[in-house]
Amino acid sequence: MVNRLYELIMAMDLKEIESLIKEALTDATVEIQDLAGDGNHYSATVTSSQFSGKSKIEQHKMVYNSLKGKMGNELHALAIKTKEQ
């Protein structure tokens, strides 16, 4: 029961993830999947012109920064794939 309560408190809705990414990367197209159906393990494909000329590491940092510290807290796991627009 404690684990389930923890999951409910810590879970982050995929619409909130999408909103945070689009707020930071305004031209982004964001596709998110709940990988395990538990609200804790997501995959995101983010396409943005703001990735142009940046390494994959820089692109992923941009996405992580858009989450405003929620990664590892409300958001347990997020696999990221980035694409230049």
PDB file of N, CA and C in Angstrom:
ATOM      1  N   MET A   1       0.821  -1.200   0.000  1.00  0.00           N
ATOM      2  CA  MET A   1       0.000   0.000   0.000  1.00  0.00           C
ATOM      3  C   MET A   1       0.861   1.257   0.000  1.00  0.00           C
ATOM      4  N   VAL A   2       1.936   1.234   0.753  1.00  0.00           N
ATOM      5  CA  VAL A   2       2.833   2.394   0.804  1.00  0.00           C
ATOM      6  C   VAL A   2       3.423   2.658  -0.574  1.00  0.00           C
ATOM      7  N   ASN A   3       3.823   1.595  -1.277  1.00  0.00           N
ATOM      8  CA  ASN A   3       4.377   1.767  -2.616  1.00  0.00           C
ATOM      9  C   ASN A   3       3.355   2.376  -3.564  1.00  0.00           C
ATOM     10  N   ARG A   4       2.126   1.918  -3.502  1.00  0.00           N
ATOM     11  CA  ARG A   4       1.074   2.459  -4.379  1.00  0.00           C
ATOM     12  C   ARG A   4       0.796   3.922  -4.055  1.00  0.00           C
ATOM     13  N   LEU A   5       0.777   4.273  -2.795  1.00  0.00           N
ATOM     14  CA  LEU A   5       0.590   5.668  -2.388  1.00  0.00           C
ATOM     15  C   LEU A   5       1.728   6.521  -2.914  1.00  0.00           C
ATOM     16  N   TYR A   6       2.951   6.015  -2.806  1.00  0.00           N
ATOM     17  CA  TYR A   6       4.124   6.723  -3.321  1.00  0.00           C
ATOM     18  C   TYR A   6       3.979   6.958  -4.819  1.00  0.00           C
ATOM     19  N   GLU A   7       3.543   5.920  -5.563  1.00  0.00           N
ATOM     20  CA  GLU A   7       3.362   6.046  -7.002  1.00  0.00           C
ATOM     21  C   GLU A   7       2.318   7.100  -7.344  1.00  0.00           C
ATOM     22  N   LEU A   8       1.228   7.147  -6.599  1.00  0.00           N
ATOM     23  CA  LEU A   8       0.183   8.135  -6.863  1.00  0.00           C
ATOM     24  C   LEU A   8       0.666   9.554  -6.598  1.00  0.00           C
ATOM     25  N   ILE A   9       1.445   9.721  -5.552  1.00  0.00           N
ATOM     26  CA  ILE A   9       1.968  11.047  -5.216  1.00  0.00           C
ATOM     27  C   ILE A   9       3.020  11.483  -6.234  1.00  0.00           C
ATOM     28  N   MET A  10       3.881  10.543  -6.618  1.00  0.00           N
ATOM     29  CA  MET A  10       5.014  10.870  -7.458  1.00  0.00           C
ATOM     30  C   MET A  10       4.708  10.848  -8.957  1.00  0.00           C
ATOM     31  N   ALA A  11       3.629  10.216  -9.369  1.00  0.00           N
ATOM     32  CA  ALA A  11       3.333  10.075 -10.796  1.00  0.00           C
ATOM     33  C   ALA A  11       3.092  11.430 -11.448  1.00  0.00           C
ATOM     34  N   MET A  12       3.479  11.507 -12.713  1.00  0.00           N
ATOM     35  CA  MET A  12       3.317  12.731 -13.482  1.00  0.00           C
ATOM     36  C   MET A  12       2.530  12.399 -14.739  1.00  0.00           C
ATOM     37  N   ASP A  13       1.506  13.164 -15.032  1.00  0.00           N
ATOM     38  CA  ASP A  13       0.649  12.952 -16.180  1.00  0.00           C
ATOM     39  C   ASP A  13       1.400  13.285 -17.470  1.00  0.00           C
ATOM     40  N   LEU A  14       1.164  12.488 -18.516  1.00  0.00           N
ATOM     41  CA  LEU A  14       1.871  12.718 -19.771  1.00  0.00           C
ATOM     42  C   LEU A  14       1.518  14.056 -20.405  1.00  0.00           C
ATOM     43  N   LYS A  15       0.320  14.561 -20.170  1.00  0.00           N
ATOM     44  CA  LYS A  15      -0.052  15.888 -20.686  1.00  0.00           C
ATOM     45  C   LYS A  15       0.777  16.983 -20.020  1.00  0.00           C
ATOM     46  N   GLU A  16       1.103  16.797 -18.746  1.00  0.00           N
ATOM     47  CA  GLU A  16       1.946  17.764 -18.045  1.00  0.00           C
ATOM     48  C   GLU A  16       3.369  17.733 -18.603  1.00  0.00           C
ATOM     49  N   ILE A  17       3.870  16.541 -18.904  1.00  0.00           N
ATOM     50  CA  ILE A  17       5.203  16.419 -19.502  1.00  0.00           C
ATOM     51  C   ILE A  17       5.228  17.138 -20.844  1.00  0.00           C
ATOM     52  N   GLU A  18       4.231  16.862 -21.666  1.00  0.00           N
ATOM     53  CA  GLU A  18       4.128  17.498 -22.979  1.00  0.00           C
ATOM     54  C   GLU A  18       4.053  19.018 -22.851  1.00  0.00           C
ATOM     55  N   SER A  19       3.262  19.498 -21.925  1.00  0.00           N
ATOM     56  CA  SER A  19       3.094  20.932 -21.718  1.00  0.00           C
ATOM     57  C   SER A  19       4.409  21.610 -21.315  1.00  0.00           C
ATOM     58  N   LEU A  20       5.144  20.992 -20.401  1.00  0.00           N
ATOM     59  CA  LEU A  20       6.416  21.564 -19.960  1.00  0.00           C
ATOM     60  C   LEU A  20       7.425  21.628 -21.103  1.00  0.00           C
ATOM     61  N   ILE A  21       7.477  20.572 -21.907  1.00  0.00           N
ATOM     62  CA  ILE A  21       8.415  20.560 -23.033  1.00  0.00           C
ATOM     63  C   ILE A  21       8.038  21.631 -24.046  1.00  0.00           C
ATOM     64  N   LYS A  22       6.739  21.737 -24.370  1.00  0.00           N
ATOM     65  CA  LYS A  22       6.292  22.725 -25.354  1.00  0.00           C
ATOM     66  C   LYS A  22       6.439  24.156 -24.841  1.00  0.00           C
ATOM     67  N   GLU A  23       6.372  24.332 -23.538  1.00  0.00           N
ATOM     68  CA  GLU A  23       6.573  25.656 -22.955  1.00  0.00           C
ATOM     69  C   GLU A  23       8.008  26.124 -23.188  1.00  0.00           C
ATOM     70  N   ALA A  24       8.960  25.211 -23.069  1.00  0.00           N
ATOM     71  CA  ALA A  24      10.369  25.555 -23.240  1.00  0.00           C
ATOM     72  C   ALA A  24      10.811  25.535 -24.702  1.00  0.00           C
ATOM     73  N   LEU A  25      10.279  24.605 -25.467  1.00  0.00           N
ATOM     74  CA  LEU A  25      10.618  24.459 -26.883  1.00  0.00           C
ATOM     75  C   LEU A  25       9.344  24.718 -27.678  1.00  0.00           C
ATOM     76  N   THR A  26       9.072  25.986 -27.903  1.00  0.00           N
ATOM     77  CA  THR A  26       7.755  26.412 -28.372  1.00  0.00           C
ATOM     78  C   THR A  26       7.327  25.838 -29.716  1.00  0.00           C
ATOM     79  N   ASP A  27       8.272  25.470 -30.576  1.00  0.00           N
ATOM     80  CA  ASP A  27       7.894  24.910 -31.877  1.00  0.00           C
ATOM     81  C   ASP A  27       7.900  23.379 -31.874  1.00  0.00           C
ATOM     82  N   ALA A  28       8.072  22.787 -30.715  1.00  0.00           N
ATOM     83  CA  ALA A  28       8.250  21.334 -30.616  1.00  0.00           C
ATOM     84  C   ALA A  28       6.990  20.550 -30.931  1.00  0.00           C
ATOM     85  N   THR A  29       7.210  19.421 -31.580  1.00  0.00           N
ATOM     86  CA  THR A  29       6.203  18.389 -31.713  1.00  0.00           C
ATOM     87  C   THR A  29       6.600  17.322 -30.715  1.00  0.00           C
ATOM     88  N   VAL A  30       5.680  16.926 -29.846  1.00  0.00           N
ATOM     89  CA  VAL A  30       5.994  16.002 -28.766  1.00  0.00           C
ATOM     90  C   VAL A  30       5.059  14.802 -28.820  1.00  0.00           C
ATOM     91  N   GLU A  31       5.651  13.619 -28.853  1.00  0.00           N
ATOM     92  CA  GLU A  31       4.887  12.379 -28.803  1.00  0.00           C
ATOM     93  C   GLU A  31       5.342  11.623 -27.562  1.00  0.00           C
ATOM     94  N   ILE A  32       4.414  11.316 -26.672  1.00  0.00           N
ATOM     95  CA  ILE A  32       4.758  10.643 -25.422  1.00  0.00           C
ATOM     96  C   ILE A  32       3.981   9.343 -25.302  1.00  0.00           C
ATOM     97  N   GLN A  33       4.676   8.308 -24.836  1.00  0.00           N
ATOM     98  CA  GLN A  33       4.049   7.013 -24.587  1.00  0.00           C
ATOM     99  C   GLN A  33       4.304   6.607 -23.143  1.00  0.00           C
ATOM    100  N   ASP A  34       3.274   6.063 -22.512  1.00  0.00           N
ATOM    101  CA  ASP A  34       3.411   5.479 -21.177  1.00  0.00           C
ATOM    102  C   ASP A  34       3.859   4.043 -21.397  1.00  0.00           C
ATOM    103  N   LEU A  35       5.117   3.755 -21.149  1.00  0.00           N
ATOM    104  CA  LEU A  35       5.706   2.465 -21.496  1.00  0.00           C
ATOM    105  C   LEU A  35       5.195   1.293 -20.668  1.00  0.00           C
ATOM    106  N   ALA A  36       4.910   1.534 -19.391  1.00  0.00           N
ATOM    107  CA  ALA A  36       4.516   0.441 -18.504  1.00  0.00           C
ATOM    108  C   ALA A  36       3.071   0.539 -18.036  1.00  0.00           C
ATOM    109  N   GLY A  37       2.382   1.609 -18.421  1.00  0.00           N
ATOM    110  CA  GLY A  37       1.005   1.804 -17.990  1.00  0.00           C
ATOM    111  C   GLY A  37       0.881   2.177 -16.521  1.00  0.00           C
ATOM    112  N   ASP A  38       1.997   2.613 -15.927  1.00  0.00           N
ATOM    113  CA  ASP A  38       1.994   2.924 -14.500  1.00  0.00           C
ATOM    114  C   ASP A  38       2.136   4.410 -14.189  1.00  0.00           C
ATOM    115  N   GLY A  39       2.198   5.252 -15.223  1.00  0.00           N
ATOM    116  CA  GLY A  39       2.347   6.679 -14.996  1.00  0.00           C
ATOM    117  C   GLY A  39       3.725   7.071 -14.496  1.00  0.00           C
ATOM    118  N   ASN A  40       4.691   6.169 -14.593  1.00  0.00           N
ATOM    119  CA  ASN A  40       6.043   6.450 -14.108  1.00  0.00           C
ATOM    120  C   ASN A  40       7.135   6.228 -15.149  1.00  0.00           C
ATOM    121  N   HIS A  41       6.833   5.514 -16.212  1.00  0.00           N
ATOM    122  CA  HIS A  41       7.843   5.167 -17.208  1.00  0.00           C
ATOM    123  C   HIS A  41       7.356   5.607 -18.586  1.00  0.00           C
ATOM    124  N   TYR A  42       7.972   6.656 -19.100  1.00  0.00           N
ATOM    125  CA  TYR A  42       7.533   7.250 -20.355  1.00  0.00           C
ATOM    126  C   TYR A  42       8.650   7.243 -21.393  1.00  0.00           C
ATOM    127  N   SER A  43       8.228   7.380 -22.630  1.00  0.00           N
ATOM    128  CA  SER A  43       9.122   7.597 -23.756  1.00  0.00           C
ATOM    129  C   SER A  43       8.626   8.854 -24.463  1.00  0.00           C
ATOM    130  N   ALA A  44       9.547   9.750 -24.802  1.00  0.00           N
ATOM    131  CA  ALA A  44       9.161  10.977 -25.497  1.00  0.00           C
ATOM    132  C   ALA A  44       9.999  11.147 -26.757  1.00  0.00           C
ATOM    133  N   THR A  45       9.320  11.447 -27.856  1.00  0.00           N
ATOM    134  CA  THR A  45       9.991  11.828 -29.090  1.00  0.00           C
ATOM    135  C   THR A  45       9.700  13.309 -29.283  1.00  0.00           C
ATOM    136  N   VAL A  46      10.762  14.098 -29.318  1.00  0.00           N
ATOM    137  CA  VAL A  46      10.623  15.555 -29.401  1.00  0.00           C
ATOM    138  C   VAL A  46      11.313  16.033 -30.669  1.00  0.00           C
ATOM    139  N   THR A  47      10.558  16.750 -31.498  1.00  0.00           N
ATOM    140  CA  THR A  47      11.086  17.314 -32.739  1.00  0.00           C
ATOM    141  C   THR A  47      11.021  18.827 -32.635  1.00  0.00           C
ATOM    142  N   SER A  48      12.161  19.493 -32.874  1.00  0.00           N
ATOM    143  CA  SER A  48      12.199  20.948 -32.754  1.00  0.00           C
ATOM    144  C   SER A  48      13.313  21.528 -33.615  1.00  0.00           C
ATOM    145  N   SER A  49      13.066  22.693 -34.176  1.00  0.00           N
ATOM    146  CA  SER A  49      14.106  23.402 -34.931  1.00  0.00           C
ATOM    147  C   SER A  49      15.191  23.923 -33.985  1.00  0.00           C
ATOM    148  N   GLN A  50      14.879  24.037 -32.709  1.00  0.00           N
ATOM    149  CA  GLN A  50      15.850  24.537 -31.730  1.00  0.00           C
ATOM    150  C   GLN A  50      16.985  23.531 -31.491  1.00  0.00           C
ATOM    151  N   PHE A  51      16.851  22.307 -31.983  1.00  0.00           N
ATOM    152  CA  PHE A  51      17.898  21.298 -31.856  1.00  0.00           C
ATOM    153  C   PHE A  51      18.960  21.441 -32.943  1.00  0.00           C
ATOM    154  N   SER A  52      18.684  22.248 -33.948  1.00  0.00           N
ATOM    155  CA  SER A  52      19.594  22.395 -35.077  1.00  0.00           C
ATOM    156  C   SER A  52      20.995  22.813 -34.621  1.00  0.00           C
ATOM    157  N   GLY A  53      21.996  22.064 -35.081  1.00  0.00           N
ATOM    158  CA  GLY A  53      23.387  22.381 -34.760  1.00  0.00           C
ATOM    159  C   GLY A  53      23.840  21.933 -33.384  1.00  0.00           C
ATOM    160  N   LYS A  54      22.977  21.275 -32.641  1.00  0.00           N
ATOM    161  CA  LYS A  54      23.316  20.833 -31.285  1.00  0.00           C
ATOM    162  C   LYS A  54      23.552  19.322 -31.274  1.00  0.00           C
ATOM    163  N   SER A  55      24.435  18.883 -30.401  1.00  0.00           N
ATOM    164  CA  SER A  55      24.687  17.451 -30.255  1.00  0.00           C
ATOM    165  C   SER A  55      23.477  16.792 -29.598  1.00  0.00           C
ATOM    166  N   LYS A  56      23.413  15.469 -29.680  1.00  0.00           N
ATOM    167  CA  LYS A  56      22.315  14.738 -29.024  1.00  0.00           C
ATOM    168  C   LYS A  56      22.323  14.993 -27.521  1.00  0.00           C
ATOM    169  N   ILE A  57      23.491  15.070 -26.926  1.00  0.00           N
ATOM    170  CA  ILE A  57      23.579  15.354 -25.483  1.00  0.00           C
ATOM    171  C   ILE A  57      22.989  16.719 -25.171  1.00  0.00           C
ATOM    172  N   GLU A  58      23.324  17.720 -25.982  1.00  0.00           N
ATOM    173  CA  GLU A  58      22.760  19.066 -25.769  1.00  0.00           C
ATOM    174  C   GLU A  58      21.249  19.066 -25.965  1.00  0.00           C
ATOM    175  N   GLN A  59      20.779  18.336 -26.966  1.00  0.00           N
ATOM    176  CA  GLN A  59      19.343  18.258 -27.222  1.00  0.00           C
ATOM    177  C   GLN A  59      18.620  17.622 -26.038  1.00  0.00           C
ATOM    178  N   HIS A  60      19.173  16.534 -25.524  1.00  0.00           N
ATOM    179  CA  HIS A  60      18.550  15.845 -24.384  1.00  0.00           C
ATOM    180  C   HIS A  60      18.568  16.732 -23.145  1.00  0.00           C
ATOM    181  N   LYS A  61      19.636  17.479 -22.947  1.00  0.00           N
ATOM    182  CA  LYS A  61      19.703  18.421 -21.814  1.00  0.00           C
ATOM    183  C   LYS A  61      18.620  19.481 -21.931  1.00  0.00           C
ATOM    184  N   MET A  62      18.350  19.924 -23.151  1.00  0.00           N
ATOM    185  CA  MET A  62      17.293  20.912 -23.355  1.00  0.00           C
ATOM    186  C   MET A  62      15.943  20.347 -22.913  1.00  0.00           C
ATOM    187  N   VAL A  63      15.704  19.095 -23.251  1.00  0.00           N
ATOM    188  CA  VAL A  63      14.435  18.456 -22.863  1.00  0.00           C
ATOM    189  C   VAL A  63      14.393  18.286 -21.346  1.00  0.00           C
ATOM    190  N   TYR A  64      15.476  17.762 -20.749  1.00  0.00           N
ATOM    191  CA  TYR A  64      15.508  17.582 -19.292  1.00  0.00           C
ATOM    192  C   TYR A  64      15.323  18.920 -18.573  1.00  0.00           C
ATOM    193  N   ASN A  65      15.972  19.969 -19.065  1.00  0.00           N
ATOM    194  CA  ASN A  65      15.822  21.292 -18.442  1.00  0.00           C
ATOM    195  C   ASN A  65      14.393  21.798 -18.524  1.00  0.00           C
ATOM    196  N   SER A  66      13.689  21.439 -19.587  1.00  0.00           N
ATOM    197  CA  SER A  66      12.295  21.885 -19.736  1.00  0.00           C
ATOM    198  C   SER A  66      11.396  21.288 -18.656  1.00  0.00           C
ATOM    199  N   LEU A  67      11.830  20.188 -18.059  1.00  0.00           N
ATOM    200  CA  LEU A  67      11.024  19.509 -17.040  1.00  0.00           C
ATOM    201  C   LEU A  67      11.163  20.128 -15.659  1.00  0.00           C
ATOM    202  N   LYS A  68      11.972  21.156 -15.550  1.00  0.00           N
ATOM    203  CA  LYS A  68      12.078  21.991 -14.337  1.00  0.00           C
ATOM    204  C   LYS A  68      12.309  21.187 -13.053  1.00  0.00           C
ATOM    205  N   GLY A  69      13.260  20.248 -13.100  1.00  0.00           N
ATOM    206  CA  GLY A  69      13.613  19.504 -11.897  1.00  0.00           C
ATOM    207  C   GLY A  69      12.669  18.376 -11.518  1.00  0.00           C
ATOM    208  N   LYS A  70      11.674  18.111 -12.343  1.00  0.00           N
ATOM    209  CA  LYS A  70      10.716  17.045 -12.011  1.00  0.00           C
ATOM    210  C   LYS A  70      11.258  15.658 -12.337  1.00  0.00           C
ATOM    211  N   MET A  71      12.293  15.595 -13.202  1.00  0.00           N
ATOM    212  CA  MET A  71      12.897  14.304 -13.541  1.00  0.00           C
ATOM    213  C   MET A  71      13.554  13.728 -12.303  1.00  0.00           C
ATOM    214  N   GLY A  72      13.211  12.491 -11.981  1.00  0.00           N
ATOM    215  CA  GLY A  72      13.750  11.849 -10.786  1.00  0.00           C
ATOM    216  C   GLY A  72      12.906  12.108  -9.553  1.00  0.00           C
ATOM    217  N   ASN A  73      11.959  12.997  -9.661  1.00  0.00           N
ATOM    218  CA  ASN A  73      11.033  13.282  -8.565  1.00  0.00           C
ATOM    219  C   ASN A  73       9.639  12.815  -8.979  1.00  0.00           C
ATOM    220  N   GLU A  74       8.816  13.724  -9.487  1.00  0.00           N
ATOM    221  CA  GLU A  74       7.487  13.330  -9.966  1.00  0.00           C
ATOM    222  C   GLU A  74       7.572  12.404 -11.176  1.00  0.00           C
ATOM    223  N   LEU A  75       8.607  12.603 -11.969  1.00  0.00           N
ATOM    224  CA  LEU A  75       8.803  11.804 -13.174  1.00  0.00           C
ATOM    225  C   LEU A  75       9.934  10.816 -12.932  1.00  0.00           C
ATOM    226  N   HIS A  76       9.585   9.536 -12.877  1.00  0.00           N
ATOM    227  CA  HIS A  76      10.558   8.503 -12.513  1.00  0.00           C
ATOM    228  C   HIS A  76      11.506   8.160 -13.658  1.00  0.00           C
ATOM    229  N   ALA A  77      10.972   7.914 -14.858  1.00  0.00           N
ATOM    230  CA  ALA A  77      11.818   7.492 -15.976  1.00  0.00           C
ATOM    231  C   ALA A  77      11.282   8.045 -17.289  1.00  0.00           C
ATOM    232  N   LEU A  78      12.187   8.623 -18.076  1.00  0.00           N
ATOM    233  CA  LEU A  78      11.800   9.170 -19.372  1.00  0.00           C
ATOM    234  C   LEU A  78      12.896   8.858 -20.387  1.00  0.00           C
ATOM    235  N   ALA A  79      12.559   8.034 -21.372  1.00  0.00           N
ATOM    236  CA  ALA A  79      13.462   7.768 -22.488  1.00  0.00           C
ATOM    237  C   ALA A  79      13.219   8.860 -23.522  1.00  0.00           C
ATOM    238  N   ILE A  80      14.281   9.495 -23.974  1.00  0.00           N
ATOM    239  CA  ILE A  80      14.136  10.626 -24.886  1.00  0.00           C
ATOM    240  C   ILE A  80      14.750  10.316 -26.249  1.00  0.00           C
ATOM    241  N   LYS A  81      14.000  10.670 -27.292  1.00  0.00           N
ATOM    242  CA  LYS A  81      14.497  10.647 -28.652  1.00  0.00           C
ATOM    243  C   LYS A  81      14.262  12.031 -29.218  1.00  0.00           C
ATOM    244  N   THR A  82      15.304  12.662 -29.752  1.00  0.00           N
ATOM    245  CA  THR A  82      15.157  14.000 -30.290  1.00  0.00           C
ATOM    246  C   THR A  82      15.426  13.986 -31.786  1.00  0.00           C
ATOM    247  N   LYS A  83      14.752  14.910 -32.471  1.00  0.00           N
ATOM    248  CA  LYS A  83      14.912  15.046 -33.926  1.00  0.00           C
ATOM    249  C   LYS A  83      14.934  16.533 -34.262  1.00  0.00           C
ATOM    250  N   GLU A  84      15.750  16.887 -35.249  1.00  0.00           N
ATOM    251  CA  GLU A  84      15.731  18.268 -35.744  1.00  0.00           C
ATOM    252  C   GLU A  84      14.587  18.422 -36.719  1.00  0.00           C
ATOM    253  N   GLN A  85      13.935  19.573 -36.652  1.00  0.00           N
ATOM    254  CA  GLN A  85      12.799  19.843 -37.531  1.00  0.00           C
ATOM    255  C   GLN A  85      13.284  20.399 -38.834  1.00  0.00           C
TER     256      GLN A  85
END
